[in-house]
Amino acid sequence: MSAIVVLPEVTRKRMLILQNLLQNWQSEKITSVQISEITGWKDSLIRHDLWLLGYNKGISNGYLKDDLQQAISLALGFESKEVNCCIVGLNRLGAALLDDATTEGSVFKIKAGFDSNVNRVEILRSTFPLYPATEMNWVIKKENIRLAILTVADKDAQSMCDRLVKAGVTGIVNMTGRILKVPDGIKVENVSVITALKMVN
C-alpha cells in the first residue's frame, strides 16, 4: 500500500479539485493542457503538483484517467475503504445536508445526524439515523465515525466540538462562525459562505 504523501496545503487542495474533475471526465485520457483549460492552472504547475505527488506516469498525449485518479486517492489517503461521517446540528443548514447526494460517489458515508432538539430529530427524515446530541458518544464509537460536519449555533460550537473530540472524531468541517480550539492531531476545515464570497469579491 502506498504511503500518504505530505503535500503543501495549496497542492492538496488542487489535487482534491483535480480528483473531482476526473470523476466526471468522460475520456480515458486527460492532458495537462485540458486540465489547464478547465481549472486555469498553468501546465508547469500541474506537472509540478503531480511530481510532488510522486506521479511520473504521464504519457506523450496525456494521463490515463483511472491511473491518475487512483494515484491521487492513494497519496491523499482516500483509498477504497469508506470513511464514516456525521452531521452535528440539524438546523436549516444541517437539514439541507441530510440528502445522500451530499457525499454520493465518494468514500465518505454519513452514518448519523445529531441535534440537541429532540423534536427536530423526531420530525426530520433521513436515509441514515438521527439521534439526540446526548447519544453522540456511543453512536460515534459504535459506527466508527471519524469526521463530523458541524452546523450548530455559534454559541454551541466549541462545546459540541469538545464532545466530538472526546468521542473520537479526528476531523471537523466547521460551518459555524466560531473559531474552534482543538488538541494537536485534530484537523479543522472552516467553511463559511460569507468568507468564500469575500474571497471571490
N, C-alpha and C. Protein backbone atom coordinates (compact mmCIF):
# COMPACT_ATOMS: atom_id res chain seq x y z
N MET A 1 0.84 -1.19 0.00
CA MET A 1 0.00 0.00 0.00
C MET A 1 0.88 1.25 0.00
N SER A 2 0.62 2.22 -0.82
CA SER A 2 1.40 3.44 -0.90
C SER A 2 1.19 4.29 0.33
N ALA A 3 2.26 4.99 0.71
CA ALA A 3 2.16 5.87 1.87
C ALA A 3 1.47 7.17 1.50
N ILE A 4 0.81 7.77 2.49
CA ILE A 4 0.20 9.07 2.27
C ILE A 4 1.30 10.10 2.09
N VAL A 5 1.19 10.93 1.06
CA VAL A 5 2.21 11.93 0.76
C VAL A 5 1.88 13.22 1.48
N VAL A 6 2.90 13.81 2.13
CA VAL A 6 2.70 15.10 2.80
C VAL A 6 2.88 16.18 1.75
N LEU A 7 1.81 16.88 1.44
CA LEU A 7 1.82 17.90 0.40
C LEU A 7 1.57 19.28 0.99
N PRO A 8 2.08 20.34 0.32
CA PRO A 8 1.68 21.70 0.72
C PRO A 8 0.15 21.82 0.62
N GLU A 9 -0.44 22.61 1.49
CA GLU A 9 -1.89 22.72 1.54
C GLU A 9 -2.49 23.15 0.20
N VAL A 10 -1.82 24.09 -0.49
CA VAL A 10 -2.36 24.56 -1.78
C VAL A 10 -2.36 23.44 -2.83
N THR A 11 -1.29 22.62 -2.79
CA THR A 11 -1.22 21.49 -3.72
C THR A 11 -2.30 20.47 -3.39
N ARG A 12 -2.49 20.20 -2.11
CA ARG A 12 -3.52 19.25 -1.68
C ARG A 12 -4.90 19.69 -2.17
N LYS A 13 -5.20 20.99 -2.05
CA LYS A 13 -6.50 21.50 -2.48
C LYS A 13 -6.66 21.37 -4.00
N ARG A 14 -5.58 21.63 -4.73
CA ARG A 14 -5.66 21.47 -6.20
C ARG A 14 -5.88 20.01 -6.57
N MET A 15 -5.23 19.10 -5.85
CA MET A 15 -5.40 17.67 -6.14
C MET A 15 -6.83 17.20 -5.82
N LEU A 16 -7.44 17.77 -4.80
CA LEU A 16 -8.83 17.43 -4.50
C LEU A 16 -9.75 17.91 -5.62
N ILE A 17 -9.47 19.12 -6.14
CA ILE A 17 -10.25 19.64 -7.26
C ILE A 17 -10.05 18.77 -8.49
N LEU A 18 -8.79 18.37 -8.74
CA LEU A 18 -8.48 17.53 -9.89
C LEU A 18 -9.15 16.17 -9.77
N GLN A 19 -9.19 15.63 -8.57
CA GLN A 19 -9.85 14.34 -8.36
C GLN A 19 -11.34 14.43 -8.70
N ASN A 20 -11.99 15.52 -8.29
CA ASN A 20 -13.41 15.72 -8.63
C ASN A 20 -13.60 15.87 -10.13
N LEU A 21 -12.66 16.57 -10.76
CA LEU A 21 -12.73 16.76 -12.21
C LEU A 21 -12.64 15.41 -12.93
N LEU A 22 -11.73 14.56 -12.47
CA LEU A 22 -11.52 13.26 -13.11
C LEU A 22 -12.74 12.34 -12.95
N GLN A 23 -13.46 12.48 -11.86
CA GLN A 23 -14.64 11.63 -11.64
C GLN A 23 -15.68 11.84 -12.73
N ASN A 24 -15.75 13.05 -13.26
CA ASN A 24 -16.75 13.37 -14.28
C ASN A 24 -16.17 13.39 -15.70
N TRP A 25 -14.88 13.07 -15.83
CA TRP A 25 -14.23 13.13 -17.14
C TRP A 25 -14.63 11.90 -17.96
N GLN A 26 -15.08 12.11 -19.19
CA GLN A 26 -15.63 11.03 -19.99
C GLN A 26 -14.57 10.22 -20.73
N SER A 27 -13.48 10.84 -21.10
CA SER A 27 -12.45 10.15 -21.88
C SER A 27 -11.52 9.33 -20.98
N GLU A 28 -10.81 8.36 -21.58
CA GLU A 28 -9.86 7.53 -20.83
C GLU A 28 -8.58 8.28 -20.51
N LYS A 29 -8.31 9.34 -21.27
CA LYS A 29 -7.09 10.12 -21.06
C LYS A 29 -7.42 11.58 -20.84
N ILE A 30 -6.49 12.28 -20.17
CA ILE A 30 -6.63 13.73 -20.00
C ILE A 30 -5.22 14.32 -20.06
N THR A 31 -5.08 15.47 -20.71
CA THR A 31 -3.78 16.12 -20.83
C THR A 31 -3.67 17.28 -19.85
N SER A 32 -2.44 17.71 -19.62
CA SER A 32 -2.23 18.87 -18.74
C SER A 32 -2.83 20.13 -19.37
N VAL A 33 -2.87 20.18 -20.70
CA VAL A 33 -3.47 21.32 -21.39
C VAL A 33 -4.97 21.36 -21.11
N GLN A 34 -5.63 20.20 -21.16
CA GLN A 34 -7.07 20.13 -20.87
C GLN A 34 -7.35 20.50 -19.41
N ILE A 35 -6.51 20.01 -18.50
CA ILE A 35 -6.68 20.36 -17.09
C ILE A 35 -6.52 21.87 -16.91
N SER A 36 -5.53 22.44 -17.61
CA SER A 36 -5.27 23.87 -17.53
C SER A 36 -6.45 24.69 -18.05
N GLU A 37 -7.05 24.24 -19.17
CA GLU A 37 -8.18 24.97 -19.75
C GLU A 37 -9.38 24.99 -18.81
N ILE A 38 -9.58 23.88 -18.08
CA ILE A 38 -10.74 23.78 -17.19
C ILE A 38 -10.51 24.53 -15.87
N THR A 39 -9.29 24.41 -15.34
CA THR A 39 -9.02 24.94 -13.99
C THR A 39 -8.37 26.32 -13.98
N GLY A 40 -7.69 26.66 -15.08
CA GLY A 40 -6.96 27.92 -15.11
C GLY A 40 -5.55 27.81 -14.55
N TRP A 41 -5.14 26.61 -14.14
CA TRP A 41 -3.78 26.41 -13.63
C TRP A 41 -2.81 26.31 -14.79
N LYS A 42 -1.57 26.76 -14.59
CA LYS A 42 -0.54 26.65 -15.62
C LYS A 42 -0.11 25.19 -15.78
N ASP A 43 0.26 24.83 -17.01
CA ASP A 43 0.76 23.47 -17.30
C ASP A 43 1.89 23.09 -16.35
N SER A 44 2.83 24.03 -16.18
CA SER A 44 4.00 23.76 -15.34
C SER A 44 3.61 23.49 -13.89
N LEU A 45 2.56 24.18 -13.40
CA LEU A 45 2.10 23.99 -12.03
C LEU A 45 1.46 22.61 -11.87
N ILE A 46 0.71 22.20 -12.88
CA ILE A 46 0.08 20.86 -12.85
C ILE A 46 1.14 19.78 -12.80
N ARG A 47 2.14 19.90 -13.67
CA ARG A 47 3.21 18.91 -13.71
C ARG A 47 4.00 18.89 -12.40
N HIS A 48 4.20 20.07 -11.82
CA HIS A 48 4.92 20.16 -10.54
C HIS A 48 4.12 19.50 -9.43
N ASP A 49 2.81 19.74 -9.40
CA ASP A 49 1.95 19.11 -8.38
C ASP A 49 2.02 17.59 -8.49
N LEU A 50 1.95 17.09 -9.72
CA LEU A 50 1.99 15.64 -9.91
C LEU A 50 3.36 15.07 -9.54
N TRP A 51 4.40 15.86 -9.75
CA TRP A 51 5.75 15.44 -9.34
C TRP A 51 5.81 15.34 -7.81
N LEU A 52 5.23 16.33 -7.11
CA LEU A 52 5.18 16.29 -5.64
C LEU A 52 4.40 15.07 -5.17
N LEU A 53 3.42 14.69 -5.96
CA LEU A 53 2.58 13.54 -5.65
C LEU A 53 3.35 12.22 -5.84
N GLY A 54 4.48 12.31 -6.57
CA GLY A 54 5.24 11.11 -6.87
C GLY A 54 4.71 10.40 -8.10
N TYR A 55 3.94 11.14 -8.88
CA TYR A 55 3.32 10.55 -10.08
C TYR A 55 4.10 10.95 -11.32
N ASN A 56 4.71 9.97 -11.98
CA ASN A 56 5.51 10.27 -13.18
C ASN A 56 5.14 9.34 -14.33
N LYS A 57 3.84 9.04 -14.43
CA LYS A 57 3.38 8.11 -15.46
C LYS A 57 2.70 8.81 -16.63
N GLY A 58 3.03 10.07 -16.80
CA GLY A 58 2.43 10.79 -17.91
C GLY A 58 2.85 10.18 -19.24
N ILE A 59 1.93 10.12 -20.17
CA ILE A 59 2.24 9.61 -21.50
C ILE A 59 2.31 10.79 -22.46
N SER A 60 2.84 10.56 -23.63
CA SER A 60 3.11 11.67 -24.55
C SER A 60 1.86 12.48 -24.89
N ASN A 61 0.71 11.82 -24.88
CA ASN A 61 -0.52 12.54 -25.24
C ASN A 61 -1.50 12.61 -24.07
N GLY A 62 -0.98 12.60 -22.84
CA GLY A 62 -1.84 12.80 -21.68
C GLY A 62 -1.64 11.76 -20.59
N TYR A 63 -2.54 11.80 -19.60
CA TYR A 63 -2.51 10.87 -18.48
C TYR A 63 -3.70 9.92 -18.57
N LEU A 64 -3.52 8.69 -18.13
CA LEU A 64 -4.63 7.76 -18.05
C LEU A 64 -5.50 8.16 -16.86
N LYS A 65 -6.76 8.44 -17.12
CA LYS A 65 -7.65 8.99 -16.10
C LYS A 65 -7.71 8.12 -14.85
N ASP A 66 -8.02 6.83 -15.01
CA ASP A 66 -8.19 5.95 -13.86
C ASP A 66 -6.91 5.82 -13.04
N ASP A 67 -5.78 5.74 -13.73
CA ASP A 67 -4.49 5.59 -13.06
C ASP A 67 -4.15 6.84 -12.25
N LEU A 68 -4.39 8.01 -12.85
CA LEU A 68 -4.12 9.28 -12.16
C LEU A 68 -5.04 9.45 -10.96
N GLN A 69 -6.31 9.09 -11.15
CA GLN A 69 -7.29 9.20 -10.07
C GLN A 69 -6.89 8.32 -8.88
N GLN A 70 -6.43 7.12 -9.18
CA GLN A 70 -6.01 6.21 -8.12
C GLN A 70 -4.77 6.73 -7.40
N ALA A 71 -3.84 7.30 -8.15
CA ALA A 71 -2.61 7.85 -7.56
C ALA A 71 -2.93 8.99 -6.60
N ILE A 72 -3.87 9.85 -7.00
CA ILE A 72 -4.28 10.96 -6.13
C ILE A 72 -4.94 10.43 -4.86
N SER A 73 -5.83 9.46 -5.02
CA SER A 73 -6.53 8.89 -3.87
C SER A 73 -5.56 8.26 -2.87
N LEU A 74 -4.60 7.52 -3.38
CA LEU A 74 -3.62 6.87 -2.50
C LEU A 74 -2.75 7.90 -1.79
N ALA A 75 -2.29 8.90 -2.54
CA ALA A 75 -1.40 9.91 -1.97
C ALA A 75 -2.10 10.75 -0.90
N LEU A 76 -3.40 11.00 -1.10
CA LEU A 76 -4.15 11.82 -0.14
C LEU A 76 -4.78 10.99 0.98
N GLY A 77 -4.62 9.66 0.89
CA GLY A 77 -5.17 8.81 1.93
C GLY A 77 -6.62 8.42 1.71
N PHE A 78 -7.14 8.64 0.48
CA PHE A 78 -8.51 8.28 0.16
C PHE A 78 -8.52 6.99 -0.63
N GLU A 79 -8.41 5.87 0.05
CA GLU A 79 -8.44 4.59 -0.63
C GLU A 79 -9.89 4.15 -0.77
N SER A 80 -10.09 2.93 -1.19
CA SER A 80 -11.44 2.47 -1.47
C SER A 80 -12.28 2.28 -0.21
N LYS A 81 -11.63 2.19 0.96
CA LYS A 81 -12.38 1.98 2.19
C LYS A 81 -13.24 3.22 2.51
N GLU A 82 -14.38 2.98 3.11
CA GLU A 82 -15.29 4.07 3.44
C GLU A 82 -14.81 4.84 4.67
N VAL A 83 -15.08 6.13 4.67
CA VAL A 83 -14.79 6.99 5.82
C VAL A 83 -16.12 7.44 6.38
N ASN A 84 -16.42 7.04 7.61
CA ASN A 84 -17.71 7.34 8.21
C ASN A 84 -17.74 8.76 8.80
N CYS A 85 -18.86 9.45 8.55
CA CYS A 85 -19.02 10.84 8.96
C CYS A 85 -20.35 11.04 9.67
N CYS A 86 -20.50 12.20 10.31
CA CYS A 86 -21.78 12.56 10.92
C CYS A 86 -22.03 14.06 10.75
N ILE A 87 -23.29 14.44 10.92
CA ILE A 87 -23.69 15.85 10.90
C ILE A 87 -24.13 16.21 12.31
N VAL A 88 -23.61 17.30 12.84
CA VAL A 88 -23.99 17.75 14.18
C VAL A 88 -24.63 19.12 14.06
N GLY A 89 -25.93 19.17 14.33
CA GLY A 89 -26.70 20.39 14.17
C GLY A 89 -27.63 20.25 12.99
N LEU A 90 -28.91 20.04 13.25
CA LEU A 90 -29.88 19.81 12.18
C LEU A 90 -30.80 21.01 11.98
N ASN A 91 -30.20 22.20 12.06
CA ASN A 91 -30.93 23.42 11.73
C ASN A 91 -31.13 23.46 10.21
N ARG A 92 -31.45 24.60 9.64
CA ARG A 92 -31.70 24.66 8.19
C ARG A 92 -30.50 24.18 7.38
N LEU A 93 -29.30 24.61 7.78
CA LEU A 93 -28.11 24.21 7.05
C LEU A 93 -27.85 22.72 7.21
N GLY A 94 -27.90 22.24 8.43
CA GLY A 94 -27.67 20.82 8.69
C GLY A 94 -28.71 19.94 8.02
N ALA A 95 -29.97 20.37 8.07
CA ALA A 95 -31.06 19.59 7.46
C ALA A 95 -30.89 19.50 5.95
N ALA A 96 -30.30 20.54 5.34
CA ALA A 96 -30.09 20.54 3.90
C ALA A 96 -29.06 19.50 3.48
N LEU A 97 -28.27 19.01 4.44
CA LEU A 97 -27.22 18.03 4.14
C LEU A 97 -27.68 16.59 4.39
N LEU A 98 -28.95 16.41 4.74
CA LEU A 98 -29.45 15.08 5.05
C LEU A 98 -29.65 14.19 3.83
N ASP A 99 -29.58 14.78 2.66
CA ASP A 99 -29.73 14.01 1.43
C ASP A 99 -28.45 13.21 1.15
N ASP A 100 -28.60 11.95 0.80
CA ASP A 100 -27.45 11.09 0.48
C ASP A 100 -26.58 11.66 -0.64
N ALA A 101 -27.19 12.49 -1.49
CA ALA A 101 -26.47 13.02 -2.65
C ALA A 101 -25.29 13.89 -2.23
N THR A 102 -25.29 14.36 -0.98
CA THR A 102 -24.21 15.21 -0.47
C THR A 102 -22.85 14.55 -0.65
N THR A 103 -22.77 13.26 -0.38
CA THR A 103 -21.48 12.56 -0.47
C THR A 103 -21.51 11.42 -1.49
N GLU A 104 -22.53 11.39 -2.32
CA GLU A 104 -22.67 10.31 -3.30
C GLU A 104 -21.46 10.23 -4.23
N GLY A 105 -20.99 9.02 -4.48
CA GLY A 105 -19.87 8.83 -5.38
C GLY A 105 -18.51 9.01 -4.73
N SER A 106 -18.48 9.26 -3.43
CA SER A 106 -17.22 9.43 -2.71
C SER A 106 -17.05 8.32 -1.68
N VAL A 107 -15.90 8.29 -1.02
CA VAL A 107 -15.67 7.29 0.03
C VAL A 107 -16.31 7.72 1.35
N PHE A 108 -16.82 8.95 1.40
CA PHE A 108 -17.39 9.48 2.64
C PHE A 108 -18.85 9.07 2.77
N LYS A 109 -19.18 8.45 3.89
CA LYS A 109 -20.53 7.97 4.14
C LYS A 109 -21.07 8.57 5.44
N ILE A 110 -22.17 9.30 5.33
CA ILE A 110 -22.78 9.88 6.53
C ILE A 110 -23.58 8.79 7.24
N LYS A 111 -23.20 8.53 8.48
CA LYS A 111 -23.79 7.44 9.25
C LYS A 111 -24.78 7.91 10.31
N ALA A 112 -24.74 9.20 10.66
CA ALA A 112 -25.63 9.67 11.73
C ALA A 112 -25.74 11.19 11.69
N GLY A 113 -26.87 11.66 12.24
CA GLY A 113 -27.07 13.09 12.44
C GLY A 113 -27.45 13.32 13.89
N PHE A 114 -27.02 14.45 14.46
CA PHE A 114 -27.29 14.73 15.87
C PHE A 114 -27.81 16.15 16.04
N ASP A 115 -28.70 16.33 17.02
CA ASP A 115 -29.19 17.65 17.35
C ASP A 115 -29.63 17.68 18.81
N SER A 116 -29.45 18.84 19.45
CA SER A 116 -29.85 18.98 20.85
C SER A 116 -31.37 19.04 21.01
N ASN A 117 -32.06 19.40 19.92
CA ASN A 117 -33.51 19.50 19.93
C ASN A 117 -34.11 18.14 19.55
N VAL A 118 -34.65 17.44 20.55
CA VAL A 118 -35.20 16.09 20.32
C VAL A 118 -36.36 16.12 19.33
N ASN A 119 -37.18 17.17 19.38
CA ASN A 119 -38.31 17.29 18.45
C ASN A 119 -37.83 17.34 17.00
N ARG A 120 -36.75 18.07 16.78
CA ARG A 120 -36.20 18.18 15.44
C ARG A 120 -35.73 16.81 14.93
N VAL A 121 -35.11 16.05 15.81
CA VAL A 121 -34.62 14.71 15.47
C VAL A 121 -35.79 13.81 15.06
N GLU A 122 -36.92 13.95 15.78
CA GLU A 122 -38.08 13.10 15.51
C GLU A 122 -38.84 13.51 14.25
N ILE A 123 -38.82 14.79 13.92
CA ILE A 123 -39.59 15.30 12.77
C ILE A 123 -38.87 15.11 11.45
N LEU A 124 -37.56 15.36 11.44
CA LEU A 124 -36.80 15.29 10.19
C LEU A 124 -36.69 13.86 9.68
N ARG A 125 -36.60 13.71 8.37
CA ARG A 125 -36.45 12.41 7.74
C ARG A 125 -35.10 12.33 7.03
N SER A 126 -34.49 11.17 7.12
CA SER A 126 -33.17 10.98 6.52
C SER A 126 -32.97 9.52 6.18
N THR A 127 -32.02 9.24 5.28
CA THR A 127 -31.71 7.86 4.93
C THR A 127 -30.79 7.22 5.96
N PHE A 128 -30.24 8.02 6.87
CA PHE A 128 -29.41 7.50 7.96
C PHE A 128 -30.05 7.93 9.29
N PRO A 129 -29.73 7.25 10.40
CA PRO A 129 -30.38 7.54 11.68
C PRO A 129 -30.05 8.92 12.24
N LEU A 130 -31.02 9.52 12.91
CA LEU A 130 -30.85 10.80 13.59
C LEU A 130 -31.00 10.57 15.09
N TYR A 131 -30.15 11.21 15.87
CA TYR A 131 -30.13 10.98 17.31
C TYR A 131 -30.09 12.29 18.09
N PRO A 132 -30.58 12.28 19.34
CA PRO A 132 -30.35 13.42 20.23
C PRO A 132 -28.85 13.56 20.49
N ALA A 133 -28.39 14.77 20.70
CA ALA A 133 -26.95 15.02 20.91
C ALA A 133 -26.41 14.27 22.11
N THR A 134 -27.28 13.93 23.06
CA THR A 134 -26.84 13.19 24.25
C THR A 134 -26.31 11.81 23.91
N GLU A 135 -26.63 11.31 22.71
CA GLU A 135 -26.20 9.96 22.32
C GLU A 135 -24.98 9.96 21.41
N MET A 136 -24.36 11.13 21.24
CA MET A 136 -23.22 11.25 20.33
C MET A 136 -22.08 10.30 20.67
N ASN A 137 -21.71 10.23 21.92
CA ASN A 137 -20.52 9.49 22.33
C ASN A 137 -20.57 8.02 21.91
N TRP A 138 -21.65 7.34 22.27
CA TRP A 138 -21.71 5.90 21.97
C TRP A 138 -21.96 5.61 20.50
N VAL A 139 -22.74 6.49 19.83
CA VAL A 139 -23.03 6.27 18.41
C VAL A 139 -21.76 6.46 17.58
N ILE A 140 -20.99 7.49 17.87
CA ILE A 140 -19.75 7.76 17.14
C ILE A 140 -18.78 6.59 17.29
N LYS A 141 -18.69 6.06 18.50
CA LYS A 141 -17.81 4.91 18.73
C LYS A 141 -18.34 3.66 18.02
N LYS A 142 -19.65 3.43 18.12
CA LYS A 142 -20.26 2.23 17.52
C LYS A 142 -20.13 2.23 16.00
N GLU A 143 -20.34 3.38 15.38
CA GLU A 143 -20.31 3.49 13.92
C GLU A 143 -18.91 3.80 13.38
N ASN A 144 -17.94 3.90 14.28
CA ASN A 144 -16.56 4.22 13.88
C ASN A 144 -16.52 5.49 13.02
N ILE A 145 -17.17 6.53 13.51
CA ILE A 145 -17.24 7.80 12.80
C ILE A 145 -15.96 8.59 13.05
N ARG A 146 -15.32 8.99 11.96
CA ARG A 146 -14.04 9.71 12.05
C ARG A 146 -14.17 11.21 11.82
N LEU A 147 -15.15 11.61 10.98
CA LEU A 147 -15.27 13.01 10.60
C LEU A 147 -16.66 13.55 10.91
N ALA A 148 -16.72 14.85 11.21
CA ALA A 148 -18.00 15.47 11.54
C ALA A 148 -18.17 16.77 10.78
N ILE A 149 -19.41 17.06 10.40
CA ILE A 149 -19.79 18.35 9.82
C ILE A 149 -20.55 19.08 10.89
N LEU A 150 -20.01 20.21 11.35
CA LEU A 150 -20.58 20.94 12.48
C LEU A 150 -21.36 22.15 11.98
N THR A 151 -22.70 22.15 12.24
CA THR A 151 -23.56 23.24 11.75
C THR A 151 -24.42 23.83 12.87
N VAL A 152 -23.98 23.68 14.12
CA VAL A 152 -24.76 24.17 15.26
C VAL A 152 -24.67 25.69 15.35
N ALA A 153 -25.46 26.27 16.27
CA ALA A 153 -25.38 27.71 16.52
C ALA A 153 -23.98 28.05 17.05
N ASP A 154 -23.50 29.24 16.74
CA ASP A 154 -22.14 29.64 17.14
C ASP A 154 -21.89 29.45 18.63
N LYS A 155 -22.88 29.76 19.45
CA LYS A 155 -22.70 29.68 20.90
C LYS A 155 -22.47 28.26 21.39
N ASP A 156 -22.91 27.29 20.60
CA ASP A 156 -22.76 25.88 20.98
C ASP A 156 -21.58 25.19 20.30
N ALA A 157 -20.91 25.90 19.41
CA ALA A 157 -19.90 25.27 18.55
C ALA A 157 -18.75 24.65 19.34
N GLN A 158 -18.16 25.38 20.27
CA GLN A 158 -16.99 24.86 20.98
C GLN A 158 -17.34 23.67 21.87
N SER A 159 -18.48 23.75 22.56
CA SER A 159 -18.86 22.64 23.44
C SER A 159 -19.14 21.37 22.63
N MET A 160 -19.79 21.52 21.46
CA MET A 160 -20.05 20.37 20.60
C MET A 160 -18.74 19.83 20.02
N CYS A 161 -17.84 20.73 19.67
CA CYS A 161 -16.53 20.33 19.17
C CYS A 161 -15.80 19.49 20.23
N ASP A 162 -15.82 19.95 21.47
CA ASP A 162 -15.16 19.22 22.56
C ASP A 162 -15.74 17.81 22.71
N ARG A 163 -17.06 17.72 22.58
CA ARG A 163 -17.72 16.41 22.70
C ARG A 163 -17.35 15.48 21.55
N LEU A 164 -17.23 16.05 20.36
CA LEU A 164 -16.85 15.26 19.19
C LEU A 164 -15.43 14.71 19.35
N VAL A 165 -14.53 15.55 19.80
CA VAL A 165 -13.15 15.14 20.00
C VAL A 165 -13.07 14.04 21.07
N LYS A 166 -13.82 14.23 22.14
CA LYS A 166 -13.83 13.24 23.22
C LYS A 166 -14.38 11.89 22.74
N ALA A 167 -15.33 11.94 21.80
CA ALA A 167 -15.94 10.71 21.27
C ALA A 167 -15.03 10.00 20.27
N GLY A 168 -13.98 10.68 19.79
CA GLY A 168 -13.03 10.03 18.89
C GLY A 168 -12.97 10.56 17.48
N VAL A 169 -13.70 11.65 17.20
CA VAL A 169 -13.65 12.25 15.86
C VAL A 169 -12.29 12.91 15.65
N THR A 170 -11.71 12.74 14.46
CA THR A 170 -10.37 13.27 14.19
C THR A 170 -10.35 14.44 13.21
N GLY A 171 -11.51 14.74 12.61
CA GLY A 171 -11.58 15.85 11.68
C GLY A 171 -12.96 16.49 11.70
N ILE A 172 -12.99 17.82 11.63
CA ILE A 172 -14.26 18.55 11.71
C ILE A 172 -14.35 19.58 10.59
N VAL A 173 -15.44 19.52 9.82
CA VAL A 173 -15.75 20.60 8.87
C VAL A 173 -16.61 21.59 9.64
N ASN A 174 -16.04 22.73 9.94
CA ASN A 174 -16.69 23.73 10.79
C ASN A 174 -17.47 24.73 9.94
N MET A 175 -18.80 24.60 9.95
CA MET A 175 -19.64 25.52 9.17
C MET A 175 -20.29 26.57 10.07
N THR A 176 -19.74 26.75 11.27
CA THR A 176 -20.22 27.78 12.18
C THR A 176 -19.33 29.01 12.04
N GLY A 177 -19.69 30.08 12.72
CA GLY A 177 -18.90 31.31 12.68
C GLY A 177 -17.86 31.36 13.79
N ARG A 178 -17.71 30.29 14.52
CA ARG A 178 -16.80 30.24 15.66
C ARG A 178 -15.47 29.59 15.27
N ILE A 179 -14.37 30.17 15.74
CA ILE A 179 -13.05 29.56 15.55
C ILE A 179 -12.88 28.53 16.66
N LEU A 180 -12.69 27.28 16.28
CA LEU A 180 -12.64 26.19 17.25
C LEU A 180 -11.23 25.97 17.78
N LYS A 181 -11.16 25.62 19.05
CA LYS A 181 -9.89 25.24 19.67
C LYS A 181 -9.89 23.72 19.80
N VAL A 182 -8.90 23.09 19.20
CA VAL A 182 -8.83 21.63 19.21
C VAL A 182 -7.44 21.17 19.61
N PRO A 183 -7.32 19.95 20.14
CA PRO A 183 -6.00 19.42 20.50
C PRO A 183 -5.17 19.13 19.25
N ASP A 184 -3.87 18.97 19.43
CA ASP A 184 -3.00 18.57 18.33
C ASP A 184 -3.49 17.25 17.74
N GLY A 185 -3.41 17.14 16.43
CA GLY A 185 -3.82 15.90 15.78
C GLY A 185 -5.25 15.92 15.27
N ILE A 186 -6.02 16.94 15.67
CA ILE A 186 -7.40 17.08 15.19
C ILE A 186 -7.42 18.13 14.09
N LYS A 187 -7.94 17.77 12.93
CA LYS A 187 -7.98 18.70 11.80
C LYS A 187 -9.32 19.43 11.76
N VAL A 188 -9.26 20.72 11.46
CA VAL A 188 -10.48 21.53 11.32
C VAL A 188 -10.41 22.29 10.00
N GLU A 189 -11.46 22.19 9.21
CA GLU A 189 -11.59 22.96 7.97
C GLU A 189 -12.76 23.91 8.15
N ASN A 190 -12.48 25.22 8.17
CA ASN A 190 -13.53 26.21 8.36
C ASN A 190 -14.17 26.54 7.01
N VAL A 191 -15.50 26.38 6.95
CA VAL A 191 -16.23 26.62 5.71
C VAL A 191 -17.29 27.68 5.97
N SER A 192 -17.17 28.81 5.31
CA SER A 192 -18.12 29.91 5.51
C SER A 192 -18.50 30.49 4.15
N VAL A 193 -19.78 30.58 3.89
CA VAL A 193 -20.25 31.16 2.63
C VAL A 193 -19.83 32.62 2.55
N ILE A 194 -19.92 33.35 3.68
CA ILE A 194 -19.56 34.77 3.70
C ILE A 194 -18.08 34.95 3.38
N THR A 195 -17.22 34.12 4.01
CA THR A 195 -15.79 34.20 3.74
C THR A 195 -15.50 33.88 2.28
N ALA A 196 -16.17 32.85 1.75
CA ALA A 196 -15.96 32.48 0.35
C ALA A 196 -16.38 33.61 -0.59
N LEU A 197 -17.48 34.28 -0.28
CA LEU A 197 -17.94 35.41 -1.09
C LEU A 197 -16.92 36.56 -1.04
N LYS A 198 -16.34 36.79 0.14
CA LYS A 198 -15.32 37.84 0.26
C LYS A 198 -14.10 37.50 -0.58
N MET A 199 -13.75 36.19 -0.64
CA MET A 199 -12.57 35.77 -1.39
C MET A 199 -12.75 35.98 -2.89
N VAL A 200 -13.98 35.86 -3.37
CA VAL A 200 -14.21 36.00 -4.81
C VAL A 200 -14.72 37.39 -5.21
N ASN A 201 -14.90 38.25 -4.22
CA ASN A 201 -15.42 39.60 -4.48
C ASN A 201 -14.36 40.45 -5.21
